[in-house]
Amino acid sequence: MDFSALLTTEGLLALLTLASLEIVLGIDNIVFIAILTGRLPEEKRGAARQVGLLAALVMRLLLLFMISWIMKLKDPLFHVAEHGVSGKDLILIIGGLFLIAKATYEIHHKVEAAGAGQEAQRKIASFAAVIVQIMLIDIVFSLDSVITAVGMAKDLSVMVVAVVLAVIVMLVFAGPISSFIEKHPTFKMLALAFLLLIGVVLVADGLHHHVPKGYIYFAMGFSLLVEVLNMWTVRRSPPAAAHTGH
């Protein structure tokens, strides 16, 4: 692998563009990991996040070095009502259904939990089970990430460095994002809704109904802004006791 392409203006521009895009595409991965690791005891969450993101890095690099195989995943395996179904389609559909089921399950427990005891019990999960779930969805997110990289950059070295940089950024911000989500229940519900939406988009992509992710991220960004403004308004509001005392 020749890294000389990174020393050219074209290579650096491609690296910057691709790394930025990979970071944006990694947001859903971070959110999913934050939700899953939140069910672990607090002392194990950091290790689970690191293992999960390092597994994502390894998955992405392996797929990059198997570009020819990745391209073959686009070839139809069979046809349903004259529509070809490829290996990529199957992975996206299965991954999307898994995300939908997982997000729905977490939302159900978040809403239906009757007391603190049940909530505490729900958070206790097997470290191995969490890692397995993270690695399963890593396959889906990594496939999407690598196909994007192959479509944007021509040089393998640019793709590899961009992916590594993106995962490093994800490692840095995964902890703070996870802590923020755990401390703010409304943001956690918003994150679960985000995962549910991403699952629907993945299934749609697998069924050849492409939804531009820019629309999805804009919608979630707008929702996040509204929630931030709502939180800010609540904090600035005078205590209720001040009004009831008169």
Protein backbone atom coordinates (compact mmCIF):
# COMPACT_ATOMS: atom_id res chain seq x y z
CA MET A 1 0.00 0.00 0.00
CA ASP A 2 1.47 3.32 -1.13
CA PHE A 3 0.89 6.35 1.13
CA SER A 4 2.49 8.80 -1.30
CA ALA A 5 -0.99 9.79 -2.52
CA LEU A 6 -1.52 11.48 0.86
CA LEU A 7 1.26 13.96 0.06
CA THR A 8 -0.58 15.43 -2.91
CA THR A 9 -3.18 18.21 -2.75
CA GLU A 10 -5.79 15.94 -4.33
CA GLY A 11 -5.02 13.17 -1.85
CA LEU A 12 -5.21 15.48 1.18
CA LEU A 13 -8.49 16.96 -0.02
CA ALA A 14 -9.93 13.48 -0.56
CA LEU A 15 -8.70 12.44 2.90
CA LEU A 16 -10.28 15.46 4.61
CA THR A 17 -13.59 15.01 2.80
CA LEU A 18 -13.77 11.27 3.37
CA ALA A 19 -12.70 11.45 7.03
CA SER A 20 -15.38 14.10 7.70
CA LEU A 21 -18.02 11.96 6.03
CA GLU A 22 -16.90 8.84 7.91
CA ILE A 23 -17.21 10.74 11.20
CA VAL A 24 -20.77 11.80 10.33
CA LEU A 25 -21.65 8.23 9.31
CA GLY A 26 -20.17 7.04 12.62
CA ILE A 27 -22.67 9.04 14.69
CA ASP A 28 -25.27 6.28 14.54
CA ASN A 29 -22.60 3.75 15.57
CA ILE A 30 -21.68 5.86 18.61
CA VAL A 31 -25.32 6.26 19.62
CA PHE A 32 -25.96 2.53 19.33
CA ILE A 33 -22.88 1.73 21.44
CA ALA A 34 -23.93 4.35 24.01
CA ILE A 35 -27.39 2.76 24.36
CA LEU A 36 -26.01 -0.78 24.69
CA THR A 37 -23.20 0.03 27.11
CA GLY A 38 -25.66 1.96 29.27
CA ARG A 39 -27.09 -1.42 30.33
CA LEU A 40 -23.72 -2.48 31.78
CA PRO A 41 -22.39 -1.69 35.26
CA GLU A 42 -20.71 1.73 35.16
CA GLU A 43 -17.20 0.34 35.68
CA LYS A 44 -17.49 -1.80 32.52
CA ARG A 45 -18.94 0.79 30.15
CA GLY A 46 -15.65 2.39 29.14
CA ALA A 47 -14.06 -0.95 28.27
CA ALA A 48 -17.13 -2.01 26.29
CA ARG A 49 -17.09 1.24 24.28
CA GLN A 50 -13.40 0.81 23.46
CA VAL A 51 -13.78 -2.84 22.48
CA GLY A 52 -16.83 -2.03 20.37
CA LEU A 53 -15.15 0.82 18.47
CA LEU A 54 -11.90 -1.09 18.00
CA ALA A 55 -13.95 -3.96 16.61
CA ALA A 56 -15.55 -1.45 14.23
CA LEU A 57 -12.09 -0.29 13.13
CA VAL A 58 -10.91 -3.85 12.49
CA MET A 59 -14.12 -4.62 10.58
CA ARG A 60 -13.74 -1.56 8.37
CA LEU A 61 -10.08 -2.26 7.61
CA LEU A 62 -10.78 -5.90 6.77
CA LEU A 63 -13.56 -4.88 4.41
CA LEU A 64 -11.34 -2.25 2.78
CA PHE A 65 -8.75 -4.92 2.00
CA MET A 66 -11.54 -7.05 0.51
CA ILE A 67 -12.80 -4.40 -1.92
CA SER A 68 -13.26 -6.87 -4.78
CA TRP A 69 -15.46 -9.03 -2.55
CA ILE A 70 -17.39 -5.95 -1.37
CA MET A 71 -18.15 -5.01 -4.96
CA LYS A 72 -19.48 -8.52 -5.61
CA LEU A 73 -21.97 -8.04 -2.76
CA LYS A 74 -23.87 -5.73 -5.10
CA ASP A 75 -24.51 -8.57 -7.56
CA PRO A 76 -28.02 -10.12 -7.27
CA LEU A 77 -28.16 -13.47 -5.47
CA PHE A 78 -31.78 -14.10 -6.42
CA HIS A 79 -34.81 -12.22 -7.67
CA VAL A 80 -38.11 -11.40 -5.99
CA ALA A 81 -40.86 -10.03 -8.25
CA GLU A 82 -38.25 -9.12 -10.85
CA HIS A 83 -36.18 -7.21 -8.30
CA GLY A 84 -32.66 -8.48 -7.69
CA VAL A 85 -31.67 -9.10 -4.06
CA SER A 86 -27.93 -8.85 -3.41
CA GLY A 87 -25.78 -9.78 -0.42
CA LYS A 88 -25.57 -6.09 0.46
CA ASP A 89 -29.37 -5.82 0.42
CA LEU A 90 -29.72 -8.80 2.78
CA ILE A 91 -27.16 -7.37 5.22
CA LEU A 92 -28.89 -3.96 5.23
CA ILE A 93 -32.35 -5.48 5.71
CA ILE A 94 -31.26 -7.81 8.52
CA GLY A 95 -29.24 -5.05 10.20
CA GLY A 96 -32.10 -2.58 9.86
CA LEU A 97 -34.62 -5.03 11.35
CA PHE A 98 -32.20 -5.70 14.22
CA LEU A 99 -31.91 -1.95 14.91
CA ILE A 100 -35.69 -1.50 14.76
CA ALA A 101 -36.25 -4.41 17.16
CA LYS A 102 -33.52 -3.25 19.55
CA ALA A 103 -34.67 0.37 19.61
CA THR A 104 -38.32 -0.67 20.07
CA TYR A 105 -37.34 -3.01 22.91
CA GLU A 106 -35.37 -0.27 24.69
CA ILE A 107 -38.14 2.31 24.21
CA HIS A 108 -40.70 -0.15 25.59
CA HIS A 109 -38.65 -0.76 28.72
CA LYS A 110 -37.89 2.92 29.11
CA VAL A 111 -41.59 3.81 29.03
CA GLU A 112 -42.97 0.80 30.93
CA ALA A 113 -40.40 0.57 33.74
CA ALA A 114 -42.53 0.88 36.87
CA GLY A 115 -39.84 1.72 39.40
CA ALA A 116 -36.21 2.32 40.11
CA GLY A 117 -35.67 -1.35 40.95
CA GLN A 118 -36.78 -2.46 37.52
CA GLU A 119 -34.69 0.24 35.85
CA ALA A 120 -31.60 -0.81 37.77
CA GLN A 121 -32.20 -4.44 36.92
CA ARG A 122 -32.61 -3.60 33.24
CA LYS A 123 -29.18 -1.96 33.16
CA ILE A 124 -27.38 -5.08 34.27
CA ALA A 125 -26.34 -6.93 31.14
CA SER A 126 -23.69 -9.44 30.14
CA PHE A 127 -20.48 -7.83 28.89
CA ALA A 128 -20.10 -10.55 26.27
CA ALA A 129 -23.71 -10.16 25.08
CA VAL A 130 -23.25 -6.41 24.65
CA ILE A 131 -20.01 -6.87 22.69
CA VAL A 132 -21.64 -9.47 20.42
CA GLN A 133 -24.54 -7.09 19.67
CA ILE A 134 -22.11 -4.23 18.98
CA MET A 135 -20.06 -6.39 16.59
CA LEU A 136 -23.19 -7.57 14.76
CA ILE A 137 -24.34 -4.04 14.03
CA ASP A 138 -20.72 -3.02 13.31
CA ILE A 139 -20.93 -5.28 10.25
CA VAL A 140 -23.84 -3.26 8.89
CA PHE A 141 -22.38 0.16 9.69
CA SER A 142 -18.93 -0.89 8.43
CA LEU A 143 -20.38 -2.10 5.13
CA ASP A 144 -22.13 1.24 4.62
CA SER A 145 -18.96 3.10 5.61
CA VAL A 146 -16.65 1.12 3.32
CA ILE A 147 -18.95 1.32 0.29
CA THR A 148 -19.05 5.10 0.80
CA ALA A 149 -15.25 5.20 1.03
CA VAL A 150 -14.80 3.13 -2.13
CA GLY A 151 -17.20 5.41 -3.97
CA MET A 152 -15.41 8.59 -2.91
CA ALA A 153 -11.69 7.74 -2.96
CA LYS A 154 -9.63 5.91 -5.54
CA ASP A 155 -6.55 5.21 -3.41
CA LEU A 156 -6.64 2.51 -0.72
CA SER A 157 -4.21 4.41 1.52
CA VAL A 158 -6.56 7.42 1.61
CA MET A 159 -9.47 5.15 2.59
CA VAL A 160 -7.48 3.43 5.35
CA VAL A 161 -6.20 6.67 6.92
CA ALA A 162 -9.66 8.28 6.72
CA VAL A 163 -11.28 5.30 8.46
CA VAL A 164 -8.60 5.24 11.18
CA LEU A 165 -8.97 8.99 11.82
CA ALA A 166 -12.75 8.67 11.99
CA VAL A 167 -12.60 5.84 14.54
CA ILE A 168 -10.07 7.79 16.65
CA VAL A 169 -12.50 10.72 16.76
CA MET A 170 -15.29 8.30 17.68
CA LEU A 171 -13.15 6.87 20.50
CA VAL A 172 -12.55 10.37 21.88
CA PHE A 173 -16.20 11.45 21.83
CA ALA A 174 -17.94 8.13 22.61
CA GLY A 175 -17.44 8.53 26.37
CA PRO A 176 -18.79 12.09 26.71
CA ILE A 177 -21.72 11.35 24.39
CA SER A 178 -22.59 8.18 26.33
CA SER A 179 -22.43 10.01 29.67
CA PHE A 180 -24.60 12.84 28.35
CA ILE A 181 -27.24 10.42 27.04
CA GLU A 182 -27.34 8.52 30.35
CA LYS A 183 -27.70 11.72 32.41
CA HIS A 184 -30.55 13.12 30.30
CA PRO A 185 -33.48 10.69 29.86
CA THR A 186 -35.16 12.82 27.17
CA PHE A 187 -32.00 12.76 25.08
CA LYS A 188 -31.81 9.00 25.55
CA MET A 189 -35.33 8.67 24.15
CA LEU A 190 -34.31 10.93 21.26
CA ALA A 191 -31.27 8.71 20.63
CA LEU A 192 -33.49 5.61 20.58
CA ALA A 193 -35.82 7.32 18.11
CA PHE A 194 -32.76 8.11 16.01
CA LEU A 195 -31.73 4.43 15.98
CA LEU A 196 -35.29 3.42 15.08
CA LEU A 197 -35.21 5.86 12.16
CA ILE A 198 -31.81 4.61 10.99
CA GLY A 199 -33.15 1.03 11.10
CA VAL A 200 -36.06 2.00 8.87
CA VAL A 201 -33.66 3.73 6.44
CA LEU A 202 -31.42 0.64 6.29
CA VAL A 203 -34.39 -1.60 5.49
CA ALA A 204 -35.54 0.88 2.84
CA ASP A 205 -32.05 0.88 1.29
CA GLY A 206 -32.07 -2.91 1.27
CA LEU A 207 -35.39 -2.78 -0.60
CA HIS A 208 -33.90 -0.33 -3.14
CA HIS A 209 -35.75 2.70 -1.80
CA HIS A 210 -32.87 5.06 -1.10
CA VAL A 211 -33.45 7.82 1.46
CA PRO A 212 -30.67 10.47 1.47
CA LYS A 213 -29.07 10.40 4.90
CA GLY A 214 -28.69 14.16 4.79
CA TYR A 215 -32.45 14.46 5.35
CA ILE A 216 -32.28 12.05 8.27
CA TYR A 217 -29.39 13.83 9.99
CA PHE A 218 -31.05 17.22 9.43
CA ALA A 219 -34.29 15.98 11.01
CA MET A 220 -32.44 14.54 14.01
CA GLY A 221 -30.29 17.66 14.31
CA PHE A 222 -33.41 19.83 14.32
CA SER A 223 -35.01 17.59 16.99
CA LEU A 224 -31.84 17.83 19.06
CA LEU A 225 -31.88 21.63 18.78
CA VAL A 226 -35.52 21.75 19.91
CA GLU A 227 -34.70 19.53 22.91
CA VAL A 228 -31.70 21.71 23.85
CA LEU A 229 -33.88 24.84 23.68
CA ASN A 230 -36.53 23.10 25.79
CA MET A 231 -33.94 22.13 28.42
CA TRP A 232 -32.56 25.68 28.44
CA THR A 233 -36.07 27.12 28.87
CA VAL A 234 -36.84 24.79 31.79
CA ARG A 235 -33.61 25.72 33.56
CA ARG A 236 -34.32 29.44 33.20
CA SER A 237 -37.89 29.12 34.44
CA PRO A 238 -38.46 30.15 38.10
CA PRO A 239 -39.20 27.29 40.53
CA ALA A 240 -42.86 26.34 40.84
CA ALA A 241 -42.73 26.96 44.57
CA ALA A 242 -42.09 30.64 43.94
CA HIS A 243 -45.50 30.94 42.26
CA THR A 244 -47.51 28.75 44.62
CA GLY A 245 -46.29 30.61 47.70
CA HIS A 246 -48.42 33.71 46.93
